[in-house]
Amino acid sequence: MQFLSINAGPFVFKARLELEQAPKTCARFLEMLPFKNKTIHSRWSGEAVWVPMGEFDVDLNFEN
């Protein structure tokens, strides 16, 4: 199992890569690091944030 640290401003989050269940997605994500973008807080739909990606395409099919 592989873990990452995600830094967003003063906050640090621990993330787990699902290497067995989504190996292509994980590999593509790791190729893109370091990844920097803005996040948008979405309190109106719960405690969450998202990263606006626009037309960005990672050229992968769905896994798992």
N, C-alpha and C. Protein backbone atom coordinates (compact mmCIF):
# COMPACT_ATOMS: atom_id res chain seq x y z
N MET A 1 0.85 -1.17 0.00
CA MET A 1 0.00 0.00 0.00
C MET A 1 0.89 1.23 0.00
N GLN A 2 0.57 2.19 -0.83
CA GLN A 2 1.37 3.40 -0.95
C GLN A 2 0.53 4.60 -0.52
N PHE A 3 1.17 5.52 0.21
CA PHE A 3 0.50 6.71 0.70
C PHE A 3 1.16 7.96 0.14
N LEU A 4 0.40 9.02 0.06
CA LEU A 4 0.88 10.32 -0.38
C LEU A 4 0.47 11.37 0.65
N SER A 5 1.19 12.47 0.67
CA SER A 5 0.77 13.63 1.44
C SER A 5 0.29 14.68 0.46
N ILE A 6 -0.87 15.24 0.73
CA ILE A 6 -1.43 16.29 -0.11
C ILE A 6 -1.45 17.56 0.72
N ASN A 7 -0.78 18.59 0.21
CA ASN A 7 -0.71 19.87 0.90
C ASN A 7 -1.67 20.85 0.23
N ALA A 8 -2.53 21.45 1.03
CA ALA A 8 -3.46 22.47 0.54
C ALA A 8 -3.41 23.63 1.52
N GLY A 9 -2.67 24.66 1.15
CA GLY A 9 -2.47 25.78 2.08
C GLY A 9 -1.79 25.27 3.33
N PRO A 10 -2.34 25.58 4.51
CA PRO A 10 -1.72 25.13 5.75
C PRO A 10 -2.09 23.69 6.13
N PHE A 11 -2.90 23.04 5.33
CA PHE A 11 -3.40 21.70 5.66
C PHE A 11 -2.62 20.61 4.94
N VAL A 12 -2.45 19.48 5.62
CA VAL A 12 -1.78 18.32 5.02
C VAL A 12 -2.72 17.12 5.19
N PHE A 13 -2.98 16.43 4.09
CA PHE A 13 -3.88 15.28 4.10
C PHE A 13 -3.10 14.04 3.68
N LYS A 14 -3.46 12.93 4.26
CA LYS A 14 -2.85 11.65 3.91
C LYS A 14 -3.78 10.94 2.92
N ALA A 15 -3.23 10.49 1.80
CA ALA A 15 -4.02 9.81 0.77
C ALA A 15 -3.45 8.42 0.50
N ARG A 16 -4.32 7.49 0.22
CA ARG A 16 -3.90 6.12 -0.07
C ARG A 16 -4.14 5.83 -1.55
N LEU A 17 -3.12 5.33 -2.22
CA LEU A 17 -3.28 4.91 -3.61
C LEU A 17 -3.83 3.49 -3.65
N GLU A 18 -4.84 3.27 -4.43
CA GLU A 18 -5.46 1.94 -4.57
C GLU A 18 -4.78 1.21 -5.73
N LEU A 19 -3.54 0.80 -5.52
CA LEU A 19 -2.71 0.21 -6.58
C LEU A 19 -3.29 -1.08 -7.15
N GLU A 20 -3.89 -1.91 -6.32
CA GLU A 20 -4.43 -3.19 -6.82
C GLU A 20 -5.74 -3.00 -7.56
N GLN A 21 -6.55 -2.05 -7.12
CA GLN A 21 -7.87 -1.88 -7.71
C GLN A 21 -7.89 -0.91 -8.90
N ALA A 22 -6.90 -0.04 -8.97
CA ALA A 22 -6.86 0.94 -10.07
C ALA A 22 -5.41 1.21 -10.47
N PRO A 23 -4.70 0.20 -10.95
CA PRO A 23 -3.28 0.36 -11.24
C PRO A 23 -2.98 1.38 -12.35
N LYS A 24 -3.79 1.44 -13.39
CA LYS A 24 -3.54 2.39 -14.47
C LYS A 24 -3.77 3.83 -14.02
N THR A 25 -4.84 4.02 -13.25
CA THR A 25 -5.15 5.35 -12.73
C THR A 25 -4.05 5.82 -11.78
N CYS A 26 -3.60 4.96 -10.89
CA CYS A 26 -2.54 5.31 -9.95
C CYS A 26 -1.24 5.64 -10.68
N ALA A 27 -0.89 4.83 -11.67
CA ALA A 27 0.34 5.07 -12.42
C ALA A 27 0.28 6.41 -13.13
N ARG A 28 -0.86 6.71 -13.74
CA ARG A 28 -1.02 7.99 -14.45
C ARG A 28 -0.95 9.16 -13.48
N PHE A 29 -1.58 9.01 -12.32
CA PHE A 29 -1.56 10.06 -11.30
C PHE A 29 -0.12 10.32 -10.84
N LEU A 30 0.64 9.27 -10.60
CA LEU A 30 2.02 9.42 -10.15
C LEU A 30 2.88 10.09 -11.22
N GLU A 31 2.61 9.83 -12.49
CA GLU A 31 3.33 10.48 -13.58
C GLU A 31 3.10 11.99 -13.59
N MET A 32 1.94 12.42 -13.11
CA MET A 32 1.57 13.83 -13.14
C MET A 32 2.15 14.63 -11.96
N LEU A 33 2.75 13.96 -11.00
CA LEU A 33 3.27 14.66 -9.82
C LEU A 33 4.57 15.37 -10.13
N PRO A 34 4.87 16.51 -9.55
CA PRO A 34 4.00 17.23 -8.62
C PRO A 34 2.88 17.94 -9.37
N PHE A 35 1.71 17.91 -8.82
CA PHE A 35 0.52 18.51 -9.41
C PHE A 35 0.11 19.72 -8.58
N LYS A 36 -0.04 20.85 -9.22
CA LYS A 36 -0.47 22.06 -8.52
C LYS A 36 -1.66 22.66 -9.24
N ASN A 37 -2.66 23.04 -8.47
CA ASN A 37 -3.85 23.68 -9.00
C ASN A 37 -4.60 24.30 -7.84
N LYS A 38 -5.63 25.05 -8.12
CA LYS A 38 -6.43 25.60 -7.04
C LYS A 38 -7.53 24.61 -6.68
N THR A 39 -8.03 24.72 -5.46
CA THR A 39 -9.17 23.92 -5.03
C THR A 39 -10.33 24.85 -4.75
N ILE A 40 -11.53 24.32 -4.89
CA ILE A 40 -12.74 25.09 -4.62
C ILE A 40 -13.51 24.37 -3.52
N HIS A 41 -13.79 25.09 -2.45
CA HIS A 41 -14.53 24.52 -1.33
C HIS A 41 -16.00 24.41 -1.70
N SER A 42 -16.61 23.30 -1.36
CA SER A 42 -18.01 23.08 -1.74
C SER A 42 -18.86 22.74 -0.53
N ARG A 43 -18.86 23.61 0.43
CA ARG A 43 -19.61 23.37 1.66
C ARG A 43 -21.10 23.15 1.40
N TRP A 44 -21.63 23.76 0.36
CA TRP A 44 -23.06 23.62 0.06
C TRP A 44 -23.44 22.19 -0.23
N SER A 45 -22.48 21.34 -0.61
CA SER A 45 -22.79 19.93 -0.88
C SER A 45 -22.13 19.01 0.14
N GLY A 46 -21.74 19.56 1.28
CA GLY A 46 -21.05 18.77 2.31
C GLY A 46 -19.64 19.29 2.46
N GLU A 47 -18.88 18.67 3.30
CA GLU A 47 -17.50 19.06 3.53
C GLU A 47 -16.63 18.44 2.45
N ALA A 48 -16.35 19.21 1.42
CA ALA A 48 -15.57 18.68 0.30
C ALA A 48 -14.90 19.82 -0.45
N VAL A 49 -13.94 19.46 -1.27
CA VAL A 49 -13.32 20.39 -2.20
C VAL A 49 -13.18 19.68 -3.54
N TRP A 50 -13.03 20.43 -4.60
CA TRP A 50 -12.72 19.82 -5.88
C TRP A 50 -11.68 20.66 -6.58
N VAL A 51 -11.05 20.06 -7.56
CA VAL A 51 -10.04 20.73 -8.37
C VAL A 51 -10.62 20.93 -9.76
N PRO A 52 -10.78 22.17 -10.19
CA PRO A 52 -11.33 22.40 -11.53
C PRO A 52 -10.33 21.97 -12.60
N MET A 53 -10.72 21.02 -13.43
CA MET A 53 -9.82 20.47 -14.42
C MET A 53 -10.15 20.93 -15.84
N GLY A 54 -11.31 21.54 -16.04
CA GLY A 54 -11.66 22.02 -17.37
C GLY A 54 -11.68 20.89 -18.39
N GLU A 55 -11.00 21.08 -19.49
CA GLU A 55 -10.95 20.09 -20.57
C GLU A 55 -9.80 19.10 -20.41
N PHE A 56 -9.13 19.11 -19.28
CA PHE A 56 -7.99 18.23 -19.05
C PHE A 56 -8.41 16.76 -19.15
N ASP A 57 -7.67 15.97 -19.90
CA ASP A 57 -8.00 14.56 -20.13
C ASP A 57 -6.77 13.71 -19.84
N VAL A 58 -6.89 12.73 -18.96
CA VAL A 58 -5.77 11.86 -18.62
C VAL A 58 -5.69 10.65 -19.54
N ASP A 59 -6.63 10.53 -20.49
CA ASP A 59 -6.62 9.47 -21.48
C ASP A 59 -6.67 8.08 -20.85
N LEU A 60 -7.58 7.90 -19.91
CA LEU A 60 -7.78 6.59 -19.25
C LEU A 60 -9.26 6.22 -19.28
N ASN A 61 -9.53 4.93 -19.32
CA ASN A 61 -10.88 4.44 -19.13
C ASN A 61 -11.13 4.24 -17.64
N PHE A 62 -12.38 4.02 -17.27
CA PHE A 62 -12.72 3.80 -15.87
C PHE A 62 -12.14 2.49 -15.37
N GLU A 63 -11.70 2.47 -14.11
CA GLU A 63 -11.23 1.25 -13.47
C GLU A 63 -12.08 1.00 -12.23
N ASN A 64 -12.25 -0.25 -11.89
CA ASN A 64 -12.94 -0.63 -10.66
C ASN A 64 -14.32 -0.04 -10.61
